[in-house]
Protein backbone atom coordinates (compact mmCIF):
# COMPACT_ATOMS: atom_id res chain seq x y z
CA MET A 1 -7.56 -83.88 34.65
CA SER A 2 -9.88 -82.57 31.91
CA SER A 3 -9.88 -84.02 28.46
CA PRO A 4 -8.63 -81.79 25.63
CA ASN A 5 -12.00 -81.98 23.91
CA TYR A 6 -13.77 -80.61 26.98
CA VAL A 7 -11.27 -77.76 27.30
CA ASP A 8 -11.67 -76.90 23.62
CA TYR A 9 -15.43 -76.96 24.06
CA MET A 10 -15.26 -74.61 27.04
CA VAL A 11 -12.90 -72.23 25.21
CA ARG A 12 -15.22 -72.15 22.19
CA GLN A 13 -18.22 -71.54 24.43
CA GLU A 14 -16.52 -68.57 26.08
CA GLN A 15 -15.52 -67.18 22.68
CA TYR A 16 -19.12 -67.46 21.55
CA LYS A 17 -20.32 -65.62 24.67
CA ASP A 18 -17.76 -62.89 24.00
CA LEU A 19 -19.04 -62.52 20.44
CA LEU A 20 -22.61 -62.26 21.68
CA ARG A 21 -21.60 -59.54 24.18
CA GLU A 22 -19.78 -57.60 21.44
CA ALA A 23 -22.77 -57.85 19.11
CA LYS A 24 -25.10 -56.65 21.84
CA GLN A 25 -22.85 -53.70 22.59
CA GLU A 26 -22.63 -52.78 18.89
CA ARG A 27 -26.43 -52.86 18.60
CA MET A 28 -26.74 -50.60 21.63
CA VAL A 29 -24.24 -48.11 20.18
CA LYS A 30 -25.96 -48.22 16.80
CA ASN A 31 -29.30 -47.40 18.44
CA LEU A 32 -27.74 -44.26 19.92
CA GLU A 33 -26.61 -42.96 16.53
CA PRO A 34 -28.98 -40.56 14.79
CA ARG A 35 -30.80 -42.11 11.87
CA PRO A 36 -32.15 -40.28 8.87
CA GLY A 37 -35.87 -40.12 9.25
CA ARG A 38 -38.91 -38.38 8.00
CA TYR A 39 -37.42 -34.98 8.74
CA ARG A 40 -35.39 -35.24 5.52
CA VAL A 41 -38.66 -35.29 3.61
CA VAL A 42 -40.74 -33.07 5.88
CA ALA A 43 -38.20 -30.32 6.54
CA PRO A 44 -37.85 -29.08 2.94
CA TRP A 45 -41.60 -29.26 2.39
CA SER A 46 -42.42 -27.42 5.61
CA GLY A 47 -39.80 -24.76 4.87
CA ALA A 48 -41.25 -24.16 1.40
CA GLN A 49 -44.78 -24.10 2.83
CA LEU A 50 -43.80 -21.55 5.48
CA MET A 51 -42.24 -19.35 2.80
CA LYS A 52 -45.46 -19.48 0.74
CA TRP A 53 -47.60 -18.66 3.74
CA SER A 54 -45.36 -15.80 4.83
CA SER A 55 -45.29 -14.26 1.35
CA THR A 56 -49.08 -14.54 1.14
CA LEU A 57 -49.46 -12.91 4.53
CA GLN A 58 -46.96 -10.20 3.60
CA SER A 59 -48.84 -9.45 0.39
CA HIS A 60 -52.10 -9.15 2.36
CA ILE A 61 -50.51 -6.81 4.88
CA SER A 62 -48.83 -4.64 2.26
CA GLY A 63 -52.15 -4.25 0.41
CA LYS A 64 -51.23 -5.90 -2.87
CA GLU A 65 -54.36 -8.04 -2.73
CA THR A 66 -57.86 -6.94 -1.86
CA GLY A 67 -59.45 -8.44 1.19
CA THR A 68 -60.02 -8.01 4.88
CA TRP A 69 -56.34 -7.31 5.53
CA VAL A 70 -56.41 -4.20 3.34
CA THR A 71 -59.48 -2.92 5.17
CA TRP A 72 -57.79 -3.66 8.45
CA LYS A 73 -54.66 -1.76 7.37
CA SER A 74 -56.49 1.29 6.11
CA ASN A 75 -58.35 1.87 9.38
């Protein structure tokens, strides 16, 4: 027959292993969740930059500024 101390020790050891398994599973699930990254900084900047570039290109095409685009359009 096992001593009560040994049984308690074995129960505690199994509980500890269960906690480790739960923690590992939680870490794995957390790694699957999307995390805020650089896109929160880059996306607004790149959107604003694209708008500037498109308006500059549009102004060149419509002939509001002098340059090679106006010459190209007039031909």
